[in-house]
Each structure stands twice: as structure tokens, then as C-alpha cells.
Amino acid sequence: PTTDYYRLQAFFAASELTEPSLAEPAEVEAFEAA
């Protein structure tokens, strides 16, 4: 049923599409300097 579709979707209700940094500070500083 449609309710089950939105129940499955509800598992992702709090989720955001993000791009968290994986870089070390030195890598960020070197890039900004370049």
C-alpha cells in the first residue's frame, strides 16, 4: 500500500545529502594557499 511506501521513506526523513570534509587541516591549508 502507499502507506508502506512512505513508511519505508520515513527511515530517511532525518537524512540530509551532505559533503562532510575528510581532509586533514594541512591539506586544507595547502589548497587554500595554492
PDB file of all heavy atoms in Angstrom:
ATOM      1  N   PRO A   1       0.832  -1.212   0.000  1.00  0.00           N
ATOM      2  CA  PRO A   1       0.000   0.000   0.000  1.00  0.00           C
ATOM      3  C   PRO A   1       0.862   1.256   0.000  1.00  0.00           C
ATOM      4  O   PRO A   1       2.054   1.215   0.335  1.00  0.00           O
ATOM      5  CB  PRO A   1      -0.795  -0.124   1.303  1.00  0.00           C
ATOM      6  CG  PRO A   1       0.041  -0.986   2.183  1.00  0.00           C
ATOM      7  CD  PRO A   1       0.781  -1.934   1.278  1.00  0.00           C
ATOM      8  N   THR A   2       0.273   2.353  -0.368  1.00  0.00           N
ATOM      9  CA  THR A   2       1.002   3.620  -0.389  1.00  0.00           C
ATOM     10  C   THR A   2       1.576   3.951   0.983  1.00  0.00           C
ATOM     11  O   THR A   2       2.671   4.509   1.091  1.00  0.00           O
ATOM     12  CB  THR A   2       0.068   4.757  -0.846  1.00  0.00           C
ATOM     13  OG1 THR A   2      -0.495   4.415  -2.109  1.00  0.00           O
ATOM     14  CG2 THR A   2       0.802   6.067  -0.977  1.00  0.00           C
ATOM     15  N   THR A   3       0.835   3.602   2.038  1.00  0.00           N
ATOM     16  CA  THR A   3       1.342   3.873   3.386  1.00  0.00           C
ATOM     17  C   THR A   3       2.676   3.174   3.617  1.00  0.00           C
ATOM     18  O   THR A   3       3.561   3.719   4.275  1.00  0.00           O
ATOM     19  CB  THR A   3       0.321   3.397   4.432  1.00  0.00           C
ATOM     20  OG1 THR A   3      -0.156   2.093   4.070  1.00  0.00           O
ATOM     21  CG2 THR A   3      -0.858   4.345   4.524  1.00  0.00           C
ATOM     22  N   ASP A   4       2.848   1.971   3.074  1.00  0.00           N
ATOM     23  CA  ASP A   4       4.113   1.258   3.271  1.00  0.00           C
ATOM     24  C   ASP A   4       5.250   1.919   2.507  1.00  0.00           C
ATOM     25  O   ASP A   4       6.405   1.878   2.934  1.00  0.00           O
ATOM     26  CB  ASP A   4       3.971  -0.205   2.841  1.00  0.00           C
ATOM     27  CG  ASP A   4       3.525  -1.092   3.993  1.00  0.00           C
ATOM     28  OD1 ASP A   4       3.252  -0.550   5.078  1.00  0.00           O
ATOM     29  OD2 ASP A   4       3.432  -2.321   3.802  1.00  0.00           O
ATOM     30  N   TYR A   5       4.937   2.505   1.350  1.00  0.00           N
ATOM     31  CA  TYR A   5       5.976   3.236   0.631  1.00  0.00           C
ATOM     32  C   TYR A   5       6.501   4.376   1.501  1.00  0.00           C
ATOM     33  O   TYR A   5       7.713   4.563   1.652  1.00  0.00           O
ATOM     34  CB  TYR A   5       5.433   3.794  -0.682  1.00  0.00           C
ATOM     35  CG  TYR A   5       6.417   4.711  -1.374  1.00  0.00           C
ATOM     36  CD1 TYR A   5       7.384   4.207  -2.229  1.00  0.00           C
ATOM     37  CD2 TYR A   5       6.418   6.093  -1.136  1.00  0.00           C
ATOM     38  CE1 TYR A   5       8.321   5.030  -2.836  1.00  0.00           C
ATOM     39  CE2 TYR A   5       7.341   6.927  -1.734  1.00  0.00           C
ATOM     40  CZ  TYR A   5       8.288   6.394  -2.584  1.00  0.00           C
ATOM     41  OH  TYR A   5       9.214   7.217  -3.172  1.00  0.00           O
ATOM     42  N   TYR A   6       5.589   5.148   2.083  1.00  0.00           N
ATOM     43  CA  TYR A   6       6.016   6.301   2.871  1.00  0.00           C
ATOM     44  C   TYR A   6       6.573   5.890   4.228  1.00  0.00           C
ATOM     45  O   TYR A   6       7.358   6.634   4.831  1.00  0.00           O
ATOM     46  CB  TYR A   6       4.874   7.305   2.996  1.00  0.00           C
ATOM     47  CG  TYR A   6       4.634   8.010   1.675  1.00  0.00           C
ATOM     48  CD1 TYR A   6       3.617   7.607   0.815  1.00  0.00           C
ATOM     49  CD2 TYR A   6       5.480   9.023   1.258  1.00  0.00           C
ATOM     50  CE1 TYR A   6       3.426   8.215  -0.418  1.00  0.00           C
ATOM     51  CE2 TYR A   6       5.304   9.646   0.026  1.00  0.00           C
ATOM     52  CZ  TYR A   6       4.276   9.234  -0.810  1.00  0.00           C
ATOM     53  OH  TYR A   6       4.119   9.837  -2.033  1.00  0.00           O
ATOM     54  N   ARG A   7       6.193   4.715   4.722  1.00  0.00           N
ATOM     55  CA  ARG A   7       6.842   4.196   5.928  1.00  0.00           C
ATOM     56  C   ARG A   7       8.305   3.871   5.645  1.00  0.00           C
ATOM     57  O   ARG A   7       9.184   4.147   6.460  1.00  0.00           O
ATOM     58  CB  ARG A   7       6.102   2.944   6.413  1.00  0.00           C
ATOM     59  CG  ARG A   7       4.769   3.240   7.097  1.00  0.00           C
ATOM     60  CD  ARG A   7       4.126   1.954   7.577  1.00  0.00           C
ATOM     61  NE  ARG A   7       2.891   2.218   8.292  1.00  0.00           N
ATOM     62  CZ  ARG A   7       1.708   1.722   7.966  1.00  0.00           C
ATOM     63  NH1 ARG A   7       1.615   0.916   6.915  1.00  0.00           N
ATOM     64  NH2 ARG A   7       0.634   2.012   8.665  1.00  0.00           N
ATOM     65  N   LEU A   8       8.565   3.262   4.501  1.00  0.00           N
ATOM     66  CA  LEU A   8       9.954   2.984   4.143  1.00  0.00           C
ATOM     67  C   LEU A   8      10.712   4.294   3.941  1.00  0.00           C
ATOM     68  O   LEU A   8      11.860   4.442   4.384  1.00  0.00           O
ATOM     69  CB  LEU A   8      10.007   2.131   2.875  1.00  0.00           C
ATOM     70  CG  LEU A   8      11.405   1.711   2.407  1.00  0.00           C
ATOM     71  CD1 LEU A   8      12.094   0.849   3.465  1.00  0.00           C
ATOM     72  CD2 LEU A   8      11.332   0.957   1.080  1.00  0.00           C
ATOM     73  N   GLN A   9      10.085   5.257   3.300  1.00  0.00           N
ATOM     74  CA  GLN A   9      10.731   6.555   3.085  1.00  0.00           C
ATOM     75  C   GLN A   9      11.015   7.251   4.410  1.00  0.00           C
ATOM     76  O   GLN A   9      12.001   7.993   4.533  1.00  0.00           O
ATOM     77  CB  GLN A   9       9.827   7.430   2.209  1.00  0.00           C
ATOM     78  CG  GLN A   9      10.406   8.800   1.912  1.00  0.00           C
ATOM     79  CD  GLN A   9       9.522   9.601   0.985  1.00  0.00           C
ATOM     80  OE1 GLN A   9       9.422   9.314  -0.197  1.00  0.00           O
ATOM     81  NE2 GLN A   9       8.848  10.601   1.536  1.00  0.00           N
ATOM     82  N   ALA A  10      10.175   7.004   5.425  1.00  0.00           N
ATOM     83  CA  ALA A  10      10.339   7.682   6.716  1.00  0.00           C
ATOM     84  C   ALA A  10      11.653   7.329   7.397  1.00  0.00           C
ATOM     85  O   ALA A  10      12.134   8.082   8.254  1.00  0.00           O
ATOM     86  CB  ALA A  10       9.161   7.335   7.633  1.00  0.00           C
ATOM     87  N   PHE A  11      12.261   6.191   7.044  1.00  0.00           N
ATOM     88  CA  PHE A  11      13.572   5.861   7.601  1.00  0.00           C
ATOM     89  C   PHE A  11      14.609   6.912   7.229  1.00  0.00           C
ATOM     90  O   PHE A  11      15.631   7.060   7.906  1.00  0.00           O
ATOM     91  CB  PHE A  11      14.036   4.495   7.093  1.00  0.00           C
ATOM     92  CG  PHE A  11      13.369   3.319   7.758  1.00  0.00           C
ATOM     93  CD1 PHE A  11      12.410   2.580   7.098  1.00  0.00           C
ATOM     94  CD2 PHE A  11      13.709   2.963   9.056  1.00  0.00           C
ATOM     95  CE1 PHE A  11      11.804   1.492   7.702  1.00  0.00           C
ATOM     96  CE2 PHE A  11      13.105   1.878   9.676  1.00  0.00           C
ATOM     97  CZ  PHE A  11      12.147   1.136   8.997  1.00  0.00           C
ATOM     98  N   PHE A  12      14.361   7.648   6.154  1.00  0.00           N
ATOM     99  CA  PHE A  12      15.328   8.635   5.654  1.00  0.00           C
ATOM    100  C   PHE A  12      14.872  10.067   5.920  1.00  0.00           C
ATOM    101  O   PHE A  12      15.464  11.007   5.397  1.00  0.00           O
ATOM    102  CB  PHE A  12      15.535   8.426   4.157  1.00  0.00           C
ATOM    103  CG  PHE A  12      16.024   7.048   3.804  1.00  0.00           C
ATOM    104  CD1 PHE A  12      15.125   6.044   3.458  1.00  0.00           C
ATOM    105  CD2 PHE A  12      17.370   6.744   3.842  1.00  0.00           C
ATOM    106  CE1 PHE A  12      15.559   4.771   3.151  1.00  0.00           C
ATOM    107  CE2 PHE A  12      17.817   5.472   3.538  1.00  0.00           C
ATOM    108  CZ  PHE A  12      16.913   4.476   3.200  1.00  0.00           C
ATOM    109  N   ALA A  13      13.827  10.228   6.748  1.00  0.00           N
ATOM    110  CA  ALA A  13      13.248  11.564   6.948  1.00  0.00           C
ATOM    111  C   ALA A  13      14.235  12.543   7.565  1.00  0.00           C
ATOM    112  O   ALA A  13      14.196  13.744   7.270  1.00  0.00           O
ATOM    113  CB  ALA A  13      11.989  11.454   7.816  1.00  0.00           C
ATOM    114  N   ALA A  14      15.108  12.073   8.436  1.00  0.00           N
ATOM    115  CA  ALA A  14      16.063  12.971   9.088  1.00  0.00           C
ATOM    116  C   ALA A  14      17.358  13.123   8.302  1.00  0.00           C
ATOM    117  O   ALA A  14      18.239  13.886   8.699  1.00  0.00           O
ATOM    118  CB  ALA A  14      16.388  12.450  10.491  1.00  0.00           C
ATOM    119  N   SER A  15      17.471  12.422   7.199  1.00  0.00           N
ATOM    120  CA  SER A  15      18.742  12.351   6.474  1.00  0.00           C
ATOM    121  C   SER A  15      18.895  13.506   5.493  1.00  0.00           C
ATOM    122  O   SER A  15      17.940  13.895   4.823  1.00  0.00           O
ATOM    123  CB  SER A  15      18.848  11.024   5.721  1.00  0.00           C
ATOM    124  OG  SER A  15      18.689   9.937   6.617  1.00  0.00           O
ATOM    125  N   GLU A  16      20.100  14.003   5.419  1.00  0.00           N
ATOM    126  CA  GLU A  16      20.431  15.096   4.517  1.00  0.00           C
ATOM    127  C   GLU A  16      21.549  14.674   3.574  1.00  0.00           C
ATOM    128  O   GLU A  16      22.412  13.867   3.931  1.00  0.00           O
ATOM    129  CB  GLU A  16      20.867  16.340   5.293  1.00  0.00           C
ATOM    130  CG  GLU A  16      19.828  16.884   6.263  1.00  0.00           C
ATOM    131  CD  GLU A  16      18.646  17.519   5.549  1.00  0.00           C
ATOM    132  OE1 GLU A  16      18.793  17.849   4.351  1.00  0.00           O
ATOM    133  OE2 GLU A  16      17.596  17.702   6.191  1.00  0.00           O
ATOM    134  N   LEU A  17      21.540  15.233   2.373  1.00  0.00           N
ATOM    135  CA  LEU A  17      22.599  14.993   1.400  1.00  0.00           C
ATOM    136  C   LEU A  17      23.735  15.961   1.706  1.00  0.00           C
ATOM    137  O   LEU A  17      23.596  17.166   1.499  1.00  0.00           O
ATOM    138  CB  LEU A  17      22.080  15.190  -0.024  1.00  0.00           C
ATOM    139  CG  LEU A  17      21.256  14.051  -0.636  1.00  0.00           C
ATOM    140  CD1 LEU A  17      20.001  13.758   0.173  1.00  0.00           C
ATOM    141  CD2 LEU A  17      20.870  14.370  -2.069  1.00  0.00           C
ATOM    142  N   THR A  18      24.831  15.424   2.232  1.00  0.00           N
ATOM    143  CA  THR A  18      25.906  16.280   2.729  1.00  0.00           C
ATOM    144  C   THR A  18      27.239  15.908   2.103  1.00  0.00           C
ATOM    145  O   THR A  18      27.391  14.842   1.512  1.00  0.00           O
ATOM    146  CB  THR A  18      26.020  16.172   4.259  1.00  0.00           C
ATOM    147  OG1 THR A  18      26.296  14.799   4.611  1.00  0.00           O
ATOM    148  CG2 THR A  18      24.735  16.614   4.937  1.00  0.00           C
ATOM    149  N   GLU A  19      28.214  16.805   2.246  1.00  0.00           N
ATOM    150  CA  GLU A  19      29.579  16.576   1.773  1.00  0.00           C
ATOM    151  C   GLU A  19      30.549  16.877   2.907  1.00  0.00           C
ATOM    152  O   GLU A  19      31.311  17.854   2.844  1.00  0.00           O
ATOM    153  CB  GLU A  19      29.901  17.439   0.546  1.00  0.00           C
ATOM    154  CG  GLU A  19      29.316  16.936  -0.756  1.00  0.00           C
ATOM    155  CD  GLU A  19      27.839  17.278  -0.906  1.00  0.00           C
ATOM    156  OE1 GLU A  19      27.442  18.357  -0.424  1.00  0.00           O
ATOM    157  OE2 GLU A  19      27.093  16.468  -1.482  1.00  0.00           O
ATOM    158  N   PRO A  20      30.551  16.070   3.980  1.00  0.00           N
ATOM    159  CA  PRO A  20      31.456  16.346   5.104  1.00  0.00           C
ATOM    160  C   PRO A  20      32.921  16.217   4.691  1.00  0.00           C
ATOM    161  O   PRO A  20      33.285  15.392   3.856  1.00  0.00           O
ATOM    162  CB  PRO A  20      31.082  15.269   6.132  1.00  0.00           C
ATOM    163  CG  PRO A  20      30.426  14.181   5.338  1.00  0.00           C
ATOM    164  CD  PRO A  20      29.745  14.856   4.200  1.00  0.00           C
ATOM    165  N   SER A  21      33.747  17.031   5.296  1.00  0.00           N
ATOM    166  CA  SER A  21      35.172  17.041   4.957  1.00  0.00           C
ATOM    167  C   SER A  21      35.868  15.802   5.493  1.00  0.00           C
ATOM    168  O   SER A  21      35.586  15.331   6.596  1.00  0.00           O
ATOM    169  CB  SER A  21      35.837  18.292   5.529  1.00  0.00           C
ATOM    170  OG  SER A  21      37.232  18.260   5.289  1.00  0.00           O
ATOM    171  N   LEU A  22      36.780  15.272   4.694  1.00  0.00           N
ATOM    172  CA  LEU A  22      37.633  14.151   5.100  1.00  0.00           C
ATOM    173  C   LEU A  22      39.084  14.584   5.196  1.00  0.00           C
ATOM    174  O   LEU A  22      39.956  13.774   5.513  1.00  0.00           O
ATOM    175  CB  LEU A  22      37.520  13.009   4.082  1.00  0.00           C
ATOM    176  CG  LEU A  22      36.138  12.417   3.825  1.00  0.00           C
ATOM    177  CD1 LEU A  22      36.223  11.394   2.693  1.00  0.00           C
ATOM    178  CD2 LEU A  22      35.574  11.771   5.079  1.00  0.00           C
ATOM    179  N   ALA A  23      39.333  15.846   4.902  1.00  0.00           N
ATOM    180  CA  ALA A  23      40.713  16.324   4.767  1.00  0.00           C
ATOM    181  C   ALA A  23      41.322  16.691   6.112  1.00  0.00           C
ATOM    182  O   ALA A  23      40.633  17.163   7.029  1.00  0.00           O
ATOM    183  CB  ALA A  23      40.752  17.527   3.841  1.00  0.00           C
ATOM    184  N   GLU A  24      42.624  16.493   6.201  1.00  0.00           N
ATOM    185  CA  GLU A  24      43.379  16.965   7.358  1.00  0.00           C
ATOM    186  C   GLU A  24      43.580  18.477   7.222  1.00  0.00           C
ATOM    187  O   GLU A  24      43.596  19.013   6.107  1.00  0.00           O
ATOM    188  CB  GLU A  24      44.734  16.261   7.425  1.00  0.00           C
ATOM    189  CG  GLU A  24      44.652  14.758   7.615  1.00  0.00           C
ATOM    190  CD  GLU A  24      44.085  14.370   8.973  1.00  0.00           C
ATOM    191  OE1 GLU A  24      44.234  15.181   9.920  1.00  0.00           O
ATOM    192  OE2 GLU A  24      43.491  13.282   9.082  1.00  0.00           O
ATOM    193  N   PRO A  25      43.734  19.176   8.344  1.00  0.00           N
ATOM    194  CA  PRO A  25      43.933  20.638   8.279  1.00  0.00           C
ATOM    195  C   PRO A  25      45.071  21.053   7.352  1.00  0.00           C
ATOM    196  O   PRO A  25      44.964  22.053   6.634  1.00  0.00           O
ATOM    197  CB  PRO A  25      44.235  21.009   9.736  1.00  0.00           C
ATOM    198  CG  PRO A  25      43.545  19.955  10.536  1.00  0.00           C
ATOM    199  CD  PRO A  25      43.653  18.704   9.736  1.00  0.00           C
ATOM    200  N   ALA A  26      46.145  20.282   7.333  1.00  0.00           N
ATOM    201  CA  ALA A  26      47.280  20.636   6.484  1.00  0.00           C
ATOM    202  C   ALA A  26      46.897  20.601   5.010  1.00  0.00           C
ATOM    203  O   ALA A  26      47.360  21.434   4.212  1.00  0.00           O
ATOM    204  CB  ALA A  26      48.449  19.678   6.749  1.00  0.00           C
ATOM    205  N   GLU A  27      46.038  19.636   4.636  1.00  0.00           N
ATOM    206  CA  GLU A  27      45.595  19.537   3.244  1.00  0.00           C
ATOM    207  C   GLU A  27      44.754  20.757   2.867  1.00  0.00           C
ATOM    208  O   GLU A  27      44.904  21.316   1.774  1.00  0.00           O
ATOM    209  CB  GLU A  27      44.782  18.258   3.047  1.00  0.00           C
ATOM    210  CG  GLU A  27      44.303  18.051   1.611  1.00  0.00           C
ATOM    211  CD  GLU A  27      43.402  16.832   1.459  1.00  0.00           C
ATOM    212  OE1 GLU A  27      43.307  16.030   2.415  1.00  0.00           O
ATOM    213  OE2 GLU A  27      42.781  16.685   0.386  1.00  0.00           O
ATOM    214  N   VAL A  28      43.876  21.183   3.781  1.00  0.00           N
ATOM    215  CA  VAL A  28      43.031  22.353   3.520  1.00  0.00           C
ATOM    216  C   VAL A  28      43.889  23.607   3.393  1.00  0.00           C
ATOM    217  O   VAL A  28      43.694  24.427   2.481  1.00  0.00           O
ATOM    218  CB  VAL A  28      41.991  22.521   4.645  1.00  0.00           C
ATOM    219  CG1 VAL A  28      41.168  23.787   4.422  1.00  0.00           C
ATOM    220  CG2 VAL A  28      41.083  21.298   4.728  1.00  0.00           C
ATOM    221  N   GLU A  29      44.852  23.746   4.285  1.00  0.00           N
ATOM    222  CA  GLU A  29      45.717  24.931   4.251  1.00  0.00           C
ATOM    223  C   GLU A  29      46.534  24.980   2.965  1.00  0.00           C
ATOM    224  O   GLU A  29      46.685  26.045   2.354  1.00  0.00           O
ATOM    225  CB  GLU A  29      46.648  24.914   5.466  1.00  0.00           C
ATOM    226  CG  GLU A  29      45.941  25.140   6.789  1.00  0.00           C
ATOM    227  CD  GLU A  29      46.865  24.967   7.980  1.00  0.00           C
ATOM    228  OE1 GLU A  29      48.096  24.798   7.751  1.00  0.00           O
ATOM    229  OE2 GLU A  29      46.376  24.999   9.116  1.00  0.00           O
ATOM    230  N   ALA A  30      47.037  23.829   2.533  1.00  0.00           N
ATOM    231  CA  ALA A  30      47.838  23.791   1.307  1.00  0.00           C
ATOM    232  C   ALA A  30      46.989  24.164   0.095  1.00  0.00           C
ATOM    233  O   ALA A  30      47.444  24.898  -0.798  1.00  0.00           O
ATOM    234  CB  ALA A  30      48.440  22.397   1.124  1.00  0.00           C
ATOM    235  N   PHE A  31      45.736  23.678   0.078  1.00  0.00           N
ATOM    236  CA  PHE A  31      44.856  24.005  -1.043  1.00  0.00           C
ATOM    237  C   PHE A  31      44.541  25.499  -1.061  1.00  0.00           C
ATOM    238  O   PHE A  31      44.569  26.140  -2.125  1.00  0.00           O
ATOM    239  CB  PHE A  31      43.573  23.190  -0.963  1.00  0.00           C
ATOM    240  CG  PHE A  31      42.568  23.548  -2.025  1.00  0.00           C
ATOM    241  CD1 PHE A  31      42.698  23.051  -3.315  1.00  0.00           C
ATOM    242  CD2 PHE A  31      41.506  24.406  -1.750  1.00  0.00           C
ATOM    243  CE1 PHE A  31      41.785  23.398  -4.308  1.00  0.00           C
ATOM    244  CE2 PHE A  31      40.590  24.758  -2.730  1.00  0.00           C
ATOM    245  CZ  PHE A  31      40.729  24.246  -4.011  1.00  0.00           C
ATOM    246  N   GLU A  32      44.205  26.051   0.101  1.00  0.00           N
ATOM    247  CA  GLU A  32      43.864  27.476   0.160  1.00  0.00           C
ATOM    248  C   GLU A  32      45.050  28.337  -0.250  1.00  0.00           C
ATOM    249  O   GLU A  32      44.877  29.361  -0.930  1.00  0.00           O
ATOM    250  CB  GLU A  32      43.392  27.843   1.572  1.00  0.00           C
ATOM    251  CG  GLU A  32      42.056  27.223   1.974  1.00  0.00           C
ATOM    252  CD  GLU A  32      40.925  27.636   1.056  1.00  0.00           C
ATOM    253  OE1 GLU A  32      40.971  28.767   0.518  1.00  0.00           O
ATOM    254  OE2 GLU A  32      39.990  26.839   0.851  1.00  0.00           O
ATOM    255  N   ALA A  33      46.247  27.922   0.124  1.00  0.00           N
ATOM    256  CA  ALA A  33      47.435  28.684  -0.261  1.00  0.00           C
ATOM    257  C   ALA A  33      47.647  28.622  -1.773  1.00  0.00           C
ATOM    258  O   ALA A  33      47.959  29.645  -2.412  1.00  0.00           O
ATOM    259  CB  ALA A  33      48.662  28.125   0.470  1.00  0.00           C
ATOM    260  N   ALA A  34      47.440  27.431  -2.355  1.00  0.00           N
ATOM    261  CA  ALA A  34      47.594  27.291  -3.804  1.00  0.00           C
ATOM    262  C   ALA A  34      46.538  28.108  -4.535  1.00  0.00           C
ATOM    263  O   ALA A  34      46.824  28.758  -5.554  1.00  0.00           O
ATOM    264  CB  ALA A  34      47.503  25.819  -4.197  1.00  0.00           C
TER     265      ALA A  34
END
